[in-house]
Amino acid sequence: MNRASDLDVTWRKSRHSTNGGNCIEVGDGMPGAVPVRDSKDPHGPALTFPASAWRSFVVAVRAGDFDTE
């Protein structure tokens, strides 16, 4: 696991993120990989996913595959 502060990426969170700070941020600038961190702990750990896996996850979220209501 990487420390988020050690990664040379530009961090961003979704413009739809309005839930009071319980957010994740993704890093741009790692070819072939997507680092993810907790926005409340910007110097803490970051998980890194293959870009193809991250794309599949985002498609599933947008399709409502994880909706519980």
PDB file of N, CA and C in Angstrom:
ATOM      1  N   MET A   1       0.858  -1.173   0.000  1.00  0.00           N
ATOM      2  CA  MET A   1       0.000   0.000   0.000  1.00  0.00           C
ATOM      3  C   MET A   1       0.904   1.235   0.000  1.00  0.00           C
ATOM      4  N   ASN A   2       0.543   2.182  -0.801  1.00  0.00           N
ATOM      5  CA  ASN A   2       1.293   3.438  -0.907  1.00  0.00           C
ATOM      6  C   ASN A   2       0.746   4.474   0.061  1.00  0.00           C
ATOM      7  N   ARG A   3       1.599   5.404   0.433  1.00  0.00           N
ATOM      8  CA  ARG A   3       1.135   6.576   1.162  1.00  0.00           C
ATOM      9  C   ARG A   3       0.714   7.598   0.114  1.00  0.00           C
ATOM     10  N   ALA A   4      -0.468   8.171   0.293  1.00  0.00           N
ATOM     11  CA  ALA A   4      -1.014   9.113  -0.685  1.00  0.00           C
ATOM     12  C   ALA A   4      -0.072  10.274  -0.931  1.00  0.00           C
ATOM     13  N   SER A   5       0.585  10.741   0.117  1.00  0.00           N
ATOM     14  CA  SER A   5       1.459  11.909  -0.024  1.00  0.00           C
ATOM     15  C   SER A   5       2.734  11.595  -0.806  1.00  0.00           C
ATOM     16  N   ASP A   6       3.049  10.311  -1.001  1.00  0.00           N
ATOM     17  CA  ASP A   6       4.243   9.929  -1.757  1.00  0.00           C
ATOM     18  C   ASP A   6       3.984   9.816  -3.255  1.00  0.00           C
ATOM     19  N   LEU A   7       2.730   9.856  -3.664  1.00  0.00           N
ATOM     20  CA  LEU A   7       2.393   9.688  -5.068  1.00  0.00           C
ATOM     21  C   LEU A   7       2.413  11.016  -5.798  1.00  0.00           C
ATOM     22  N   ASP A   8       2.998  11.023  -6.977  1.00  0.00           N
ATOM     23  CA  ASP A   8       3.077  12.233  -7.792  1.00  0.00           C
ATOM     24  C   ASP A   8       1.867  12.284  -8.726  1.00  0.00           C
ATOM     25  N   VAL A   9       0.710  12.605  -8.141  1.00  0.00           N
ATOM     26  CA  VAL A   9      -0.541  12.671  -8.896  1.00  0.00           C
ATOM     27  C   VAL A   9      -1.301  13.928  -8.489  1.00  0.00           C
ATOM     28  N   THR A  10      -2.285  14.274  -9.279  1.00  0.00           N
ATOM     29  CA  THR A  10      -3.210  15.358  -8.956  1.00  0.00           C
ATOM     30  C   THR A  10      -4.488  14.712  -8.446  1.00  0.00           C
ATOM     31  N   TRP A  11      -4.832  15.009  -7.190  1.00  0.00           N
ATOM     32  CA  TRP A  11      -6.003  14.398  -6.564  1.00  0.00           C
ATOM     33  C   TRP A  11      -7.269  15.197  -6.879  1.00  0.00           C
ATOM     34  N   ARG A  12      -8.387  14.471  -7.043  1.00  0.00           N
ATOM     35  CA  ARG A  12      -9.678  15.117  -7.283  1.00  0.00           C
ATOM     36  C   ARG A  12     -10.782  14.259  -6.688  1.00  0.00           C
ATOM     37  N   LYS A  13     -11.901  14.895  -6.374  1.00  0.00           N
ATOM     38  CA  LYS A  13     -13.081  14.137  -5.964  1.00  0.00           C
ATOM     39  C   LYS A  13     -14.242  14.544  -6.853  1.00  0.00           C
ATOM     40  N   SER A  14     -15.257  13.741  -6.856  1.00  0.00           N
ATOM     41  CA  SER A  14     -16.399  13.959  -7.725  1.00  0.00           C
ATOM     42  C   SER A  14     -17.073  15.290  -7.430  1.00  0.00           C
ATOM     43  N   ARG A  15     -17.521  15.951  -8.461  1.00  0.00           N
ATOM     44  CA  ARG A  15     -18.287  17.188  -8.270  1.00  0.00           C
ATOM     45  C   ARG A  15     -19.648  16.884  -7.651  1.00  0.00           C
ATOM     46  N   HIS A  16     -20.044  15.621  -7.643  1.00  0.00           N
ATOM     47  CA  HIS A  16     -21.309  15.201  -7.029  1.00  0.00           C
ATOM     48  C   HIS A  16     -21.144  14.912  -5.539  1.00  0.00           C
ATOM     49  N   SER A  17     -19.944  15.062  -5.058  1.00  0.00           N
ATOM     50  CA  SER A  17     -19.651  14.741  -3.667  1.00  0.00           C
ATOM     51  C   SER A  17     -20.169  15.844  -2.752  1.00  0.00           C
ATOM     52  N   THR A  18     -21.293  15.568  -2.112  1.00  0.00           N
ATOM     53  CA  THR A  18     -21.922  16.566  -1.238  1.00  0.00           C
ATOM     54  C   THR A  18     -22.383  15.937   0.066  1.00  0.00           C
ATOM     55  N   ASN A  19     -21.697  14.893   0.516  1.00  0.00           N
ATOM     56  CA  ASN A  19     -22.169  14.161   1.681  1.00  0.00           C
ATOM     57  C   ASN A  19     -21.446  14.532   2.978  1.00  0.00           C
ATOM     58  N   GLY A  20     -20.965  15.741   3.099  1.00  0.00           N
ATOM     59  CA  GLY A  20     -20.372  16.189   4.351  1.00  0.00           C
ATOM     60  C   GLY A  20     -18.956  15.721   4.609  1.00  0.00           C
ATOM     61  N   GLY A  21     -18.217  15.376   3.584  1.00  0.00           N
ATOM     62  CA  GLY A  21     -16.819  15.038   3.771  1.00  0.00           C
ATOM     63  C   GLY A  21     -16.486  13.563   3.761  1.00  0.00           C
ATOM     64  N   ASN A  22     -17.471  12.698   3.637  1.00  0.00           N
ATOM     65  CA  ASN A  22     -17.197  11.265   3.561  1.00  0.00           C
ATOM     66  C   ASN A  22     -16.949  10.889   2.113  1.00  0.00           C
ATOM     67  N   CYS A  23     -15.765  11.224   1.624  1.00  0.00           N
ATOM     68  CA  CYS A  23     -15.481  11.096   0.203  1.00  0.00           C
ATOM     69  C   CYS A  23     -14.183  10.338  -0.030  1.00  0.00           C
ATOM     70  N   ILE A  24     -14.076   9.847  -1.239  1.00  0.00           N
ATOM     71  CA  ILE A  24     -12.783   9.367  -1.702  1.00  0.00           C
ATOM     72  C   ILE A  24     -12.305  10.331  -2.769  1.00  0.00           C
ATOM     73  N   GLU A  25     -11.009  10.311  -2.994  1.00  0.00           N
ATOM     74  CA  GLU A  25     -10.414  11.085  -4.074  1.00  0.00           C
ATOM     75  C   GLU A  25      -9.629  10.127  -4.945  1.00  0.00           C
ATOM     76  N   VAL A  26      -9.595  10.398  -6.226  1.00  0.00           N
ATOM     77  CA  VAL A  26      -8.796   9.603  -7.151  1.00  0.00           C
ATOM     78  C   VAL A  26      -7.670  10.473  -7.677  1.00  0.00           C
ATOM     79  N   GLY A  27      -6.567   9.828  -8.000  1.00  0.00           N
ATOM     80  CA  GLY A  27      -5.402  10.552  -8.495  1.00  0.00           C
ATOM     81  C   GLY A  27      -5.261  10.407  -9.996  1.00  0.00           C
ATOM     82  N   ASP A  28      -4.953  11.506 -10.641  1.00  0.00           N
ATOM     83  CA  ASP A  28      -4.684  11.505 -12.082  1.00  0.00           C
ATOM     84  C   ASP A  28      -3.178  11.617 -12.295  1.00  0.00           C
ATOM     85  N   GLY A  29      -2.664  10.864 -13.244  1.00  0.00           N
ATOM     86  CA  GLY A  29      -1.264  11.002 -13.594  1.00  0.00           C
ATOM     87  C   GLY A  29      -0.450   9.730 -13.461  1.00  0.00           C
ATOM     88  N   MET A  30      -1.098   8.603 -13.187  1.00  0.00           N
ATOM     89  CA  MET A  30      -0.400   7.316 -13.138  1.00  0.00           C
ATOM     90  C   MET A  30      -0.894   6.473 -14.314  1.00  0.00           C
ATOM     91  N   PRO A  31      -0.135   6.405 -15.395  1.00  0.00           N
ATOM     92  CA  PRO A  31      -0.577   5.627 -16.553  1.00  0.00           C
ATOM     93  C   PRO A  31      -0.880   4.173 -16.167  1.00  0.00           C
ATOM     94  N   GLY A  32      -2.073   3.734 -16.537  1.00  0.00           N
ATOM     95  CA  GLY A  32      -2.454   2.357 -16.304  1.00  0.00           C
ATOM     96  C   GLY A  32      -2.940   2.034 -14.909  1.00  0.00           C
ATOM     97  N   ALA A  33      -2.970   3.041 -14.026  1.00  0.00           N
ATOM     98  CA  ALA A  33      -3.382   2.796 -12.646  1.00  0.00           C
ATOM     99  C   ALA A  33      -4.176   3.980 -12.115  1.00  0.00           C
ATOM    100  N   VAL A  34      -5.031   3.703 -11.123  1.00  0.00           N
ATOM    101  CA  VAL A  34      -5.826   4.754 -10.492  1.00  0.00           C
ATOM    102  C   VAL A  34      -5.645   4.635  -8.977  1.00  0.00           C
ATOM    103  N   PRO A  35      -4.942   5.593  -8.365  1.00  0.00           N
ATOM    104  CA  PRO A  35      -4.836   5.582  -6.910  1.00  0.00           C
ATOM    105  C   PRO A  35      -6.085   6.210  -6.286  1.00  0.00           C
ATOM    106  N   VAL A  36      -6.470   5.697  -5.117  1.00  0.00           N
ATOM    107  CA  VAL A  36      -7.666   6.151  -4.419  1.00  0.00           C
ATOM    108  C   VAL A  36      -7.302   6.382  -2.957  1.00  0.00           C
ATOM    109  N   ARG A  37      -7.755   7.523  -2.392  1.00  0.00           N
ATOM    110  CA  ARG A  37      -7.484   7.817  -0.986  1.00  0.00           C
ATOM    111  C   ARG A  37      -8.732   8.359  -0.311  1.00  0.00           C
ATOM    112  N   ASP A  38      -8.721   8.348   1.005  1.00  0.00           N
ATOM    113  CA  ASP A  38      -9.782   8.925   1.826  1.00  0.00           C
ATOM    114  C   ASP A  38      -9.540  10.428   1.890  1.00  0.00           C
ATOM    115  N   SER A  39     -10.520  11.229   1.514  1.00  0.00           N
ATOM    116  CA  SER A  39     -10.322  12.682   1.487  1.00  0.00           C
ATOM    117  C   SER A  39     -10.070  13.271   2.876  1.00  0.00           C
ATOM    118  N   LYS A  40     -10.498  12.569   3.923  1.00  0.00           N
ATOM    119  CA  LYS A  40     -10.278  13.066   5.284  1.00  0.00           C
ATOM    120  C   LYS A  40      -8.862  12.784   5.773  1.00  0.00           C
ATOM    121  N   ASP A  41      -8.121  11.937   5.067  1.00  0.00           N
ATOM    122  CA  ASP A  41      -6.767  11.556   5.468  1.00  0.00           C
ATOM    123  C   ASP A  41      -5.832  11.648   4.264  1.00  0.00           C
ATOM    124  N   PRO A  42      -5.569  12.861   3.766  1.00  0.00           N
ATOM    125  CA  PRO A  42      -4.824  13.013   2.519  1.00  0.00           C
ATOM    126  C   PRO A  42      -3.376  12.528   2.570  1.00  0.00           C
ATOM    127  N   HIS A  43      -2.832  12.342   3.765  1.00  0.00           N
ATOM    128  CA  HIS A  43      -1.456  11.850   3.870  1.00  0.00           C
ATOM    129  C   HIS A  43      -1.417  10.379   4.273  1.00  0.00           C
ATOM    130  N   GLY A  44      -2.584   9.775   4.386  1.00  0.00           N
ATOM    131  CA  GLY A  44      -2.679   8.376   4.776  1.00  0.00           C
ATOM    132  C   GLY A  44      -2.466   7.442   3.602  1.00  0.00           C
ATOM    133  N   PRO A  45      -2.951   6.218   3.736  1.00  0.00           N
ATOM    134  CA  PRO A  45      -2.735   5.221   2.690  1.00  0.00           C
ATOM    135  C   PRO A  45      -3.558   5.492   1.436  1.00  0.00           C
ATOM    136  N   ALA A  46      -3.064   4.979   0.337  1.00  0.00           N
ATOM    137  CA  ALA A  46      -3.786   5.031  -0.937  1.00  0.00           C
ATOM    138  C   ALA A  46      -3.784   3.639  -1.538  1.00  0.00           C
ATOM    139  N   LEU A  47      -4.918   3.223  -2.011  1.00  0.00           N
ATOM    140  CA  LEU A  47      -5.018   1.970  -2.757  1.00  0.00           C
ATOM    141  C   LEU A  47      -4.839   2.286  -4.227  1.00  0.00           C
ATOM    142  N   THR A  48      -4.210   1.393  -4.962  1.00  0.00           N
ATOM    143  CA  THR A  48      -4.001   1.598  -6.394  1.00  0.00           C
ATOM    144  C   THR A  48      -4.649   0.444  -7.151  1.00  0.00           C
ATOM    145  N   PHE A  49      -5.504   0.800  -8.100  1.00  0.00           N
ATOM    146  CA  PHE A  49      -6.230  -0.182  -8.896  1.00  0.00           C
ATOM    147  C   PHE A  49      -5.796  -0.101 -10.349  1.00  0.00           C
ATOM    148  N   PRO A  50      -5.804  -1.224 -11.064  1.00  0.00           N
ATOM    149  CA  PRO A  50      -5.582  -1.150 -12.510  1.00  0.00           C
ATOM    150  C   PRO A  50      -6.666  -0.261 -13.138  1.00  0.00           C
ATOM    151  N   ALA A  51      -6.282   0.539 -14.108  1.00  0.00           N
ATOM    152  CA  ALA A  51      -7.231   1.468 -14.732  1.00  0.00           C
ATOM    153  C   ALA A  51      -8.448   0.739 -15.297  1.00  0.00           C
ATOM    154  N   SER A  52      -8.257  -0.432 -15.858  1.00  0.00           N
ATOM    155  CA  SER A  52      -9.393  -1.166 -16.431  1.00  0.00           C
ATOM    156  C   SER A  52     -10.374  -1.595 -15.338  1.00  0.00           C
ATOM    157  N   ALA A  53      -9.875  -1.983 -14.174  1.00  0.00           N
ATOM    158  CA  ALA A  53     -10.756  -2.360 -13.055  1.00  0.00           C
ATOM    159  C   ALA A  53     -11.517  -1.145 -12.545  1.00  0.00           C
ATOM    160  N   TRP A  54     -10.849   0.006 -12.474  1.00  0.00           N
ATOM    161  CA  TRP A  54     -11.517   1.227 -12.016  1.00  0.00           C
ATOM    162  C   TRP A  54     -12.628   1.622 -12.979  1.00  0.00           C
ATOM    163  N   ARG A  55     -12.346   1.531 -14.287  1.00  0.00           N
ATOM    164  CA  ARG A  55     -13.383   1.852 -15.284  1.00  0.00           C
ATOM    165  C   ARG A  55     -14.593   0.938 -15.115  1.00  0.00           C
ATOM    166  N   SER A  56     -14.367  -0.344 -14.899  1.00  0.00           N
ATOM    167  CA  SER A  56     -15.478  -1.286 -14.698  1.00  0.00           C
ATOM    168  C   SER A  56     -16.276  -0.924 -13.454  1.00  0.00           C
ATOM    169  N   PHE A  57     -15.598  -0.532 -12.395  1.00  0.00           N
ATOM    170  CA  PHE A  57     -16.267  -0.126 -11.162  1.00  0.00           C
ATOM    171  C   PHE A  57     -17.143   1.104 -11.402  1.00  0.00           C
ATOM    172  N   VAL A  58     -16.610   2.107 -12.078  1.00  0.00           N
ATOM    173  CA  VAL A  58     -17.359   3.337 -12.341  1.00  0.00           C
ATOM    174  C   VAL A  58     -18.588   3.039 -13.209  1.00  0.00           C
ATOM    175  N   VAL A  59     -18.445   2.195 -14.217  1.00  0.00           N
ATOM    176  CA  VAL A  59     -19.578   1.819 -15.063  1.00  0.00           C
ATOM    177  C   VAL A  59     -20.657   1.148 -14.217  1.00  0.00           C
ATOM    178  N   ALA A  60     -20.251   0.265 -13.315  1.00  0.00           N
ATOM    179  CA  ALA A  60     -21.220  -0.429 -12.461  1.00  0.00           C
ATOM    180  C   ALA A  60     -21.921   0.535 -11.505  1.00  0.00           C
ATOM    181  N   VAL A  61     -21.201   1.494 -10.959  1.00  0.00           N
ATOM    182  CA  VAL A  61     -21.820   2.486 -10.062  1.00  0.00           C
ATOM    183  C   VAL A  61     -22.848   3.289 -10.839  1.00  0.00           C
ATOM    184  N   ARG A  62     -22.478   3.769 -12.011  1.00  0.00           N
ATOM    185  CA  ARG A  62     -23.401   4.565 -12.818  1.00  0.00           C
ATOM    186  C   ARG A  62     -24.638   3.771 -13.238  1.00  0.00           C
ATOM    187  N   ALA A  63     -24.488   2.476 -13.393  1.00  0.00           N
ATOM    188  CA  ALA A  63     -25.609   1.626 -13.788  1.00  0.00           C
ATOM    189  C   ALA A  63     -26.510   1.270 -12.601  1.00  0.00           C
ATOM    190  N   GLY A  64     -26.081   1.635 -11.406  1.00  0.00           N
ATOM    191  CA  GLY A  64     -26.888   1.357 -10.221  1.00  0.00           C
ATOM    192  C   GLY A  64     -26.696  -0.041  -9.662  1.00  0.00           C
ATOM    193  N   ASP A  65     -25.637  -0.707 -10.060  1.00  0.00           N
ATOM    194  CA  ASP A  65     -25.411  -2.084  -9.623  1.00  0.00           C
ATOM    195  C   ASP A  65     -25.216  -2.232  -8.116  1.00  0.00           C
ATOM    196  N   PHE A  66     -24.887  -1.156  -7.434  1.00  0.00           N
ATOM    197  CA  PHE A  66     -24.645  -1.218  -5.988  1.00  0.00           C
ATOM    198  C   PHE A  66     -25.736  -0.548  -5.172  1.00  0.00           C
ATOM    199  N   ASP A  67     -26.785  -0.080  -5.843  1.00  0.00           N
ATOM    200  CA  ASP A  67     -27.887   0.564  -5.132  1.00  0.00           C
ATOM    201  C   ASP A  67     -28.560  -0.451  -4.206  1.00  0.00           C
ATOM    202  N   THR A  68     -28.880  -0.013  -3.010  1.00  0.00           N
ATOM    203  CA  THR A  68     -29.501  -0.928  -2.043  1.00  0.00           C
ATOM    204  C   THR A  68     -30.944  -0.563  -1.736  1.00  0.00           C
ATOM    205  N   GLU A  69     -31.434   0.483  -2.336  1.00  0.00           N
ATOM    206  CA  GLU A  69     -32.829   0.904  -2.074  1.00  0.00           C
ATOM    207  C   GLU A  69     -33.788   0.327  -3.071  1.00  0.00           C
TER     208      GLU A  69
END
